[in-house]
Amino acid sequence: MIEFENLGKSNQRFFKQFQTEFNSFSNSGWYVLGERVQNFEREFAEYIGTKYCIGVASGLDALILSLKALELPKGGEVIVPANTYIATILAIINADLTPVLVEPNLDSYNISPAAVVASLGPQTCAILCVHMYGNPCEMNSLVEICKNNNLKLIEDVAQAHGSTYFEKKLGSFGNTGAFSFYPTKNLGALGDAGAIVTDDEELAKKLTALRNYGSHSKYNFEYLGMNSRLDAIQAGFLSIKLRELDSMLEHKRKLAKLYLENLNSEFIIPSEKKGLKNTYHIFPIRHPKRDLLKKFLEENGIKTEIHYPIPPHKQKCMQDRFEAEYPITEDIHQTILSLPISFGHSEDDVLKVIEALNSFAQESK
């Protein structure tokens, strides 16, 4: 059986370092914030190429706090891709803002700058772009749109740790970059964790308070904040893995190259554009017989996933929020399938997946 993801296998190389780190952590007697969090924040900011990093409890919190810290007008409209994971949209709603869904480009699955321009209105206050599956958005265009229209730009980088746009790391383009370190991410913790990066000193100070009940100093509360602190032990684990992140990403890109070069042309595969480095948090393909394909692969001992089966605007909790039609988004959600591509997979694993996929392509003609 080729599993879609085996976190134990992916993390196995770090187990001894994790144990040493846990022993040091437990003996320290300091379990919330402190030196481990500060060290990781410094290391991750340096890795991304920003001046500041603020560790928080999850990727969702990173988005919510980013939106709140920017002091956007209550009810203001935030443009966001219609095909994103629901967390991106939940963040906008939970920050007392209004999500405006726009269609993605079908070749990249990322927000379309042309669709963004067409959706601009008097209430638009920000763009929340999502680097879907690890693939960079068209950042020059989005930055220019924000500059010309006095908008804030927030990057959802939950799926794109280490991806670059013309050698500049994602997360460093916007007013903030919001990261998730959920265990399945390219840089994954051993539990929930997240971070916000920024070059704005005042914004970083405010975010540091907002994650800690709105407080800079004990029992003094400047803002209406929340409890969203990166766990110290998770910060320690993340520091260990960050040192190996580039080698892990290179391994995943080698696996992606096998897919890109060997899959039957019947499958719609990711496009790679000059200057854009995709780190393949997920390797998505599309096929009109997606459900049959998924079943075929499982019968042949290969597990896959669907990211995501139901688009946000079709979810029960979003009923009556969105009236427009999103045919491109719906087509993506009906045809997309995620293939095994974790750090725990080998090239032989991927070659077996390719063999099965190409067999399906031949049989389905």
Protein backbone atom coordinates (compact mmCIF):
# COMPACT_ATOMS: atom_id res chain seq x y z
CA MET A 1 0.00 0.00 0.00
CA ILE A 2 1.28 3.44 -0.94
CA GLU A 3 -0.28 5.78 1.60
CA PHE A 4 -1.11 9.35 0.72
CA GLU A 5 0.73 10.54 3.81
CA ASN A 6 2.51 8.83 6.69
CA LEU A 7 3.58 11.48 9.17
CA GLY A 8 5.47 9.02 11.33
CA LYS A 9 7.59 8.00 8.35
CA SER A 10 8.09 11.60 7.19
CA ASN A 11 9.25 12.68 10.67
CA GLN A 12 11.30 9.58 11.48
CA ARG A 13 14.65 11.16 10.66
CA PHE A 14 13.99 13.80 13.34
CA PHE A 15 12.87 11.53 16.20
CA LYS A 16 16.17 11.54 18.11
CA GLN A 17 16.46 15.33 17.85
CA PHE A 18 12.82 15.69 18.91
CA GLN A 19 13.46 13.56 21.99
CA THR A 20 16.51 15.59 22.95
CA GLU A 21 14.55 18.81 22.42
CA PHE A 22 11.62 17.54 24.50
CA ASN A 23 13.89 16.56 27.38
CA SER A 24 15.50 19.98 27.35
CA PHE A 25 12.09 21.66 27.11
CA SER A 26 10.53 19.70 29.98
CA ASN A 27 13.53 20.30 32.22
CA SER A 28 13.55 24.04 31.48
CA GLY A 29 10.30 24.72 33.34
CA TRP A 30 9.35 27.37 30.73
CA TYR A 31 6.45 26.13 28.60
CA VAL A 32 4.71 29.18 27.07
CA LEU A 33 6.49 31.64 24.71
CA GLY A 34 10.07 32.24 25.89
CA GLU A 35 13.40 31.52 24.25
CA ARG A 36 12.31 28.65 21.98
CA VAL A 37 9.59 30.72 20.37
CA GLN A 38 11.89 33.73 20.02
CA ASN A 39 14.57 31.57 18.40
CA PHE A 40 12.17 30.09 15.88
CA GLU A 41 10.66 33.48 15.08
CA ARG A 42 14.12 34.85 14.33
CA GLU A 43 15.10 31.81 12.24
CA PHE A 44 11.88 31.73 10.24
CA ALA A 45 11.91 35.47 9.51
CA GLU A 46 15.47 35.07 8.24
CA TYR A 47 14.43 32.10 6.09
CA ILE A 48 11.51 33.97 4.51
CA GLY A 49 13.46 37.20 4.17
CA THR A 50 11.32 39.42 6.39
CA LYS A 51 12.27 41.51 9.40
CA TYR A 52 9.75 40.01 11.81
CA CYS A 53 7.94 36.78 12.59
CA ILE A 54 5.21 36.32 15.20
CA GLY A 55 4.44 32.74 16.22
CA VAL A 56 0.76 31.94 16.75
CA ALA A 57 -1.39 28.90 17.48
CA SER A 58 -2.57 28.04 13.96
CA GLY A 59 -2.72 29.13 10.35
CA LEU A 60 -6.32 30.29 10.80
CA ASP A 61 -5.27 32.51 13.70
CA ALA A 62 -2.43 33.87 11.57
CA LEU A 63 -4.99 35.03 9.01
CA ILE A 64 -7.50 36.40 11.54
CA LEU A 65 -4.85 38.32 13.46
CA SER A 66 -3.34 39.70 10.24
CA LEU A 67 -6.72 41.08 9.19
CA LYS A 68 -7.49 42.50 12.64
CA ALA A 69 -4.08 44.12 13.04
CA LEU A 70 -4.43 45.96 9.74
CA GLU A 71 -7.47 47.83 11.14
CA LEU A 72 -9.56 47.38 8.02
CA PRO A 73 -13.01 49.04 8.08
CA LYS A 74 -15.71 46.86 9.63
CA GLY A 75 -17.62 45.11 6.89
CA GLY A 76 -15.00 46.07 4.31
CA GLU A 77 -14.61 43.76 1.34
CA VAL A 78 -11.65 41.41 1.04
CA ILE A 79 -11.11 39.76 -2.35
CA VAL A 80 -10.21 36.07 -2.05
CA PRO A 81 -10.06 33.09 -4.44
CA ALA A 82 -13.27 31.07 -4.61
CA ASN A 83 -11.41 27.73 -4.68
CA THR A 84 -9.42 28.18 -1.48
CA TYR A 85 -9.75 26.07 1.66
CA ILE A 86 -12.57 27.34 3.83
CA ALA A 87 -10.17 28.62 6.54
CA THR A 88 -9.20 31.58 4.36
CA ILE A 89 -12.82 32.68 4.11
CA LEU A 90 -13.56 31.94 7.77
CA ALA A 91 -10.72 34.28 8.72
CA ILE A 92 -12.29 37.15 6.79
CA ILE A 93 -15.71 36.58 8.36
CA ASN A 94 -14.25 36.22 11.86
CA ALA A 95 -12.43 39.53 11.41
CA ASP A 96 -15.81 41.25 10.78
CA LEU A 97 -15.05 41.68 7.08
CA THR A 98 -16.85 40.64 3.91
CA PRO A 99 -15.33 38.01 1.60
CA VAL A 100 -15.68 38.65 -2.14
CA LEU A 101 -14.98 35.46 -4.07
CA VAL A 102 -13.27 35.57 -7.46
CA GLU A 103 -12.42 32.79 -9.85
CA PRO A 104 -8.88 31.40 -10.17
CA ASN A 105 -6.83 30.88 -13.29
CA LEU A 106 -7.45 27.32 -14.40
CA ASP A 107 -3.79 26.68 -15.27
CA SER A 108 -2.44 27.67 -11.84
CA TYR A 109 -5.45 27.33 -9.47
CA ASN A 110 -4.43 30.74 -8.12
CA ILE A 111 -6.42 33.95 -7.97
CA SER A 112 -6.74 35.72 -11.32
CA PRO A 113 -5.44 39.32 -11.28
CA ALA A 114 -7.90 40.15 -14.08
CA ALA A 115 -10.78 38.79 -11.98
CA VAL A 116 -9.50 40.82 -9.02
CA VAL A 117 -9.59 44.04 -11.04
CA ALA A 118 -13.10 43.24 -12.26
CA SER A 119 -14.25 42.74 -8.66
CA LEU A 120 -12.87 45.99 -7.22
CA GLY A 121 -15.49 48.23 -5.66
CA PRO A 122 -15.79 51.18 -3.28
CA GLN A 123 -15.80 48.87 -0.24
CA THR A 124 -12.73 46.86 -1.29
CA CYS A 125 -10.03 47.22 1.36
CA ALA A 126 -7.73 44.22 0.85
CA ILE A 127 -6.72 41.26 -1.29
CA LEU A 128 -6.10 37.94 0.41
CA CYS A 129 -4.18 35.81 -2.10
CA VAL A 130 -3.64 32.10 -1.56
CA HIS A 131 -0.64 30.25 -3.01
CA MET A 132 -2.60 27.11 -3.78
CA TYR A 133 -0.85 23.75 -3.39
CA GLY A 134 2.57 25.49 -3.16
CA ASN A 135 2.31 27.32 -6.49
CA PRO A 136 3.13 31.07 -6.42
CA CYS A 137 0.47 33.63 -7.32
CA GLU A 138 1.25 36.36 -9.86
CA MET A 139 2.69 38.64 -7.21
CA ASN A 140 3.87 41.55 -9.35
CA SER A 141 0.35 42.03 -10.68
CA LEU A 142 -1.27 41.74 -7.25
CA VAL A 143 1.21 44.12 -5.63
CA GLU A 144 0.59 46.65 -8.42
CA ILE A 145 -3.19 46.37 -8.02
CA CYS A 146 -2.87 47.02 -4.29
CA LYS A 147 -0.55 49.97 -4.83
CA ASN A 148 -2.81 51.59 -7.43
CA ASN A 149 -5.95 51.14 -5.33
CA ASN A 150 -4.60 51.74 -1.81
CA LEU A 151 -5.37 48.18 -0.71
CA LYS A 152 -3.74 45.93 1.86
CA LEU A 153 -2.27 42.62 0.71
CA ILE A 154 -2.30 39.51 2.87
CA GLU A 155 -0.65 36.31 1.66
CA ASP A 156 -2.01 32.95 2.74
CA VAL A 157 1.18 30.88 2.56
CA ALA A 158 -0.17 27.86 4.44
CA GLN A 159 0.67 25.57 1.51
CA ALA A 160 3.77 27.27 0.15
CA HIS A 161 6.64 27.27 2.65
CA GLY A 162 9.80 27.93 0.68
CA SER A 163 8.12 28.62 -2.68
CA THR A 164 9.58 31.58 -4.53
CA TYR A 165 8.48 34.19 -7.06
CA PHE A 166 11.55 35.21 -9.04
CA GLU A 167 13.81 34.07 -6.17
CA LYS A 168 11.88 36.03 -3.53
CA LYS A 169 10.14 33.83 -0.97
CA LEU A 170 6.39 33.91 -0.70
CA GLY A 171 5.12 35.64 2.41
CA SER A 172 7.49 38.57 1.91
CA PHE A 173 5.36 40.46 -0.65
CA GLY A 174 2.29 41.43 1.37
CA ASN A 175 1.68 43.56 4.43
CA THR A 176 1.67 40.18 6.16
CA GLY A 177 2.27 36.56 5.23
CA ALA A 178 0.27 33.97 7.17
CA PHE A 179 1.66 30.45 7.61
CA SER A 180 0.24 27.22 8.94
CA PHE A 181 2.50 24.54 10.41
CA TYR A 182 -0.20 21.88 10.53
CA PRO A 183 1.57 18.48 10.57
CA THR A 184 0.96 17.74 6.87
CA LYS A 185 2.52 21.00 5.64
CA ASN A 186 5.97 21.11 4.06
CA LEU A 187 7.18 22.55 7.38
CA GLY A 188 4.89 20.74 9.78
CA ALA A 189 4.77 20.77 13.56
CA LEU A 190 3.66 17.85 15.73
CA GLY A 191 0.36 19.61 16.37
CA ASP A 192 -1.28 22.89 15.43
CA ALA A 193 0.96 25.92 14.96
CA GLY A 194 1.25 29.01 12.78
CA ALA A 195 3.12 32.25 12.20
CA ILE A 196 2.82 35.72 10.68
CA VAL A 197 5.71 37.44 8.91
CA THR A 198 6.00 41.14 8.11
CA ASP A 199 8.48 43.95 7.50
CA ASP A 200 6.35 46.49 9.38
CA GLU A 201 7.76 47.09 12.87
CA GLU A 202 4.61 48.67 14.32
CA LEU A 203 2.44 45.91 12.86
CA ALA A 204 4.75 43.27 14.34
CA LYS A 205 4.51 44.89 17.78
CA LYS A 206 0.74 44.98 17.56
CA LEU A 207 0.53 41.34 16.45
CA THR A 208 2.80 40.29 19.31
CA ALA A 209 0.28 41.83 21.71
CA LEU A 210 -2.84 40.62 19.91
CA ARG A 211 -1.74 36.97 20.14
CA ASN A 212 -1.29 37.40 23.92
CA TYR A 213 -4.69 38.77 25.02
CA GLY A 214 -3.77 42.21 23.64
CA SER A 215 -0.96 42.66 26.15
CA HIS A 216 2.64 43.82 25.86
CA SER A 217 3.21 43.60 29.60
CA LYS A 218 1.61 41.47 32.31
CA TYR A 219 -1.88 42.62 33.36
CA ASN A 220 -1.82 45.60 30.99
CA PHE A 221 -4.09 45.22 27.95
CA GLU A 222 -3.83 47.67 25.05
CA TYR A 223 -5.96 45.77 22.52
CA LEU A 224 -8.89 43.36 22.43
CA GLY A 225 -6.67 40.39 21.76
CA MET A 226 -6.87 36.62 21.93
CA ASN A 227 -4.89 33.68 23.25
CA SER A 228 -3.01 32.43 20.20
CA ARG A 229 0.55 31.69 21.20
CA LEU A 230 2.87 29.30 19.40
CA ASP A 231 3.60 26.45 21.82
CA ALA A 232 7.21 26.50 22.94
CA ILE A 233 7.68 22.79 22.29
CA GLN A 234 6.29 23.14 18.77
CA ALA A 235 8.69 26.05 18.18
CA GLY A 236 11.55 23.78 19.23
CA PHE A 237 10.43 21.02 16.87
CA LEU A 238 9.96 23.50 14.03
CA SER A 239 13.47 24.90 14.49
CA ILE A 240 14.85 21.39 14.06
CA LYS A 241 12.89 20.79 10.87
CA LEU A 242 13.55 24.26 9.44
CA ARG A 243 17.24 23.39 9.12
CA GLU A 244 16.30 20.57 6.74
CA LEU A 245 13.40 22.28 4.96
CA ASP A 246 15.22 23.06 1.73
CA SER A 247 16.43 19.46 1.35
CA MET A 248 12.90 18.20 2.03
CA LEU A 249 11.51 20.57 -0.59
CA GLU A 250 14.11 19.47 -3.10
CA HIS A 251 13.08 15.85 -2.53
CA LYS A 252 9.45 16.76 -3.22
CA ARG A 253 10.40 18.65 -6.37
CA LYS A 254 12.24 15.55 -7.63
CA LEU A 255 9.10 13.50 -7.08
CA ALA A 256 7.04 16.18 -8.86
CA LYS A 257 9.43 16.09 -11.81
CA LEU A 258 8.76 12.37 -12.21
CA TYR A 259 5.03 13.06 -12.39
CA LEU A 260 5.48 15.99 -14.76
CA GLU A 261 7.68 14.06 -17.17
CA ASN A 262 5.96 10.68 -17.17
CA LEU A 263 2.21 11.06 -16.73
CA ASN A 264 -0.08 10.36 -19.67
CA SER A 265 -1.26 13.52 -21.42
CA GLU A 266 -4.85 12.59 -20.54
CA PHE A 267 -4.18 13.99 -17.05
CA ILE A 268 -4.16 17.74 -16.53
CA ILE A 269 -0.99 18.41 -14.53
CA PRO A 270 0.44 21.55 -12.89
CA SER A 271 2.14 24.02 -15.19
CA GLU A 272 5.56 25.35 -14.27
CA LYS A 273 6.28 28.94 -15.31
CA LYS A 274 9.67 30.59 -15.61
CA GLY A 275 10.68 32.35 -12.39
CA LEU A 276 8.04 30.62 -10.26
CA LYS A 277 9.25 27.84 -7.97
CA ASN A 278 6.48 25.53 -6.79
CA THR A 279 7.33 23.44 -3.71
CA TYR A 280 4.40 21.03 -4.18
CA HIS A 281 2.76 20.84 -0.80
CA ILE A 282 0.24 18.96 -2.94
CA PHE A 283 0.62 17.52 -6.43
CA PRO A 284 -2.82 17.97 -8.04
CA ILE A 285 -4.00 16.45 -11.28
CA ARG A 286 -7.40 16.81 -12.92
CA HIS A 287 -9.42 14.22 -14.79
CA PRO A 288 -13.09 14.15 -15.84
CA LYS A 289 -13.47 10.67 -14.32
CA ARG A 290 -11.86 11.70 -11.02
CA ASP A 291 -14.02 9.51 -8.77
CA LEU A 292 -13.46 6.40 -10.91
CA LEU A 293 -9.75 7.18 -10.99
CA LYS A 294 -9.58 7.51 -7.23
CA LYS A 295 -11.37 4.17 -6.82
CA PHE A 296 -9.09 2.51 -9.39
CA LEU A 297 -5.96 3.70 -7.59
CA GLU A 298 -7.23 2.54 -4.21
CA GLU A 299 -8.00 -0.90 -5.66
CA ASN A 300 -4.39 -0.95 -6.81
CA GLY A 301 -3.02 -0.07 -3.37
CA ILE A 302 -2.58 3.68 -3.82
CA LYS A 303 -4.22 6.22 -1.54
CA THR A 304 -5.09 9.70 -2.79
CA GLU A 305 -6.94 12.74 -1.45
CA ILE A 306 -9.25 15.42 -2.85
CA HIS A 307 -8.35 19.04 -2.10
CA TYR A 308 -11.19 19.86 -1.88
CA PRO A 309 -14.42 17.95 -2.66
CA ILE A 310 -16.84 20.81 -1.87
CA PRO A 311 -16.03 24.46 -2.69
CA PRO A 312 -16.56 26.99 0.12
CA HIS A 313 -19.58 28.68 -1.49
CA LYS A 314 -21.39 25.31 -1.53
CA GLN A 315 -20.80 24.57 2.17
CA LYS A 316 -23.81 24.56 4.50
CA CYS A 317 -22.30 27.23 6.75
CA MET A 318 -21.95 29.57 3.76
CA GLN A 319 -25.55 29.31 2.56
CA ASP A 320 -27.04 32.67 1.53
CA ARG A 321 -23.63 34.41 1.63
CA PHE A 322 -22.72 34.05 -2.04
CA GLU A 323 -25.16 34.45 -4.91
CA ALA A 324 -22.79 34.41 -7.87
CA GLU A 325 -21.86 31.36 -9.93
CA TYR A 326 -18.28 30.06 -9.89
CA PRO A 327 -18.04 27.54 -12.76
CA ILE A 328 -14.23 27.40 -12.89
CA THR A 329 -14.03 26.73 -9.16
CA GLU A 330 -16.72 24.06 -9.36
CA ASP A 331 -14.96 22.37 -12.28
CA ILE A 332 -11.74 22.24 -10.25
CA HIS A 333 -13.45 20.75 -7.22
CA GLN A 334 -15.20 18.12 -9.32
CA THR A 335 -12.11 16.94 -11.20
CA ILE A 336 -9.08 17.46 -8.95
CA LEU A 337 -7.14 14.66 -7.28
CA SER A 338 -4.03 14.89 -5.06
CA LEU A 339 -1.29 12.30 -5.59
CA PRO A 340 1.23 10.99 -3.03
CA ILE A 341 4.20 13.37 -2.81
CA SER A 342 5.32 13.56 0.82
CA PHE A 343 8.85 13.62 2.18
CA GLY A 344 8.17 10.03 3.28
CA HIS A 345 7.66 8.83 -0.31
CA SER A 346 10.41 7.43 -2.48
CA GLU A 347 10.96 7.74 -6.22
CA ASP A 348 9.96 4.07 -6.54
CA ASP A 349 6.65 4.89 -4.84
CA VAL A 350 5.95 7.64 -7.34
CA LEU A 351 6.94 5.49 -10.31
CA LYS A 352 4.41 2.89 -9.17
CA VAL A 353 1.74 5.58 -8.91
CA ILE A 354 2.61 6.77 -12.42
CA GLU A 355 2.38 3.22 -13.77
CA ALA A 356 -1.08 2.80 -12.27
CA LEU A 357 -2.26 6.19 -13.54
CA ASN A 358 -1.05 5.52 -17.07
CA SER A 359 -2.72 2.12 -16.98
CA PHE A 360 -6.02 3.82 -16.08
CA ALA A 361 -5.54 6.28 -18.94
CA GLN A 362 -5.11 3.43 -21.41
CA GLU A 363 -8.07 1.46 -20.09
CA SER A 364 -10.41 4.47 -20.01
CA LYS A 365 -9.95 5.40 -23.67
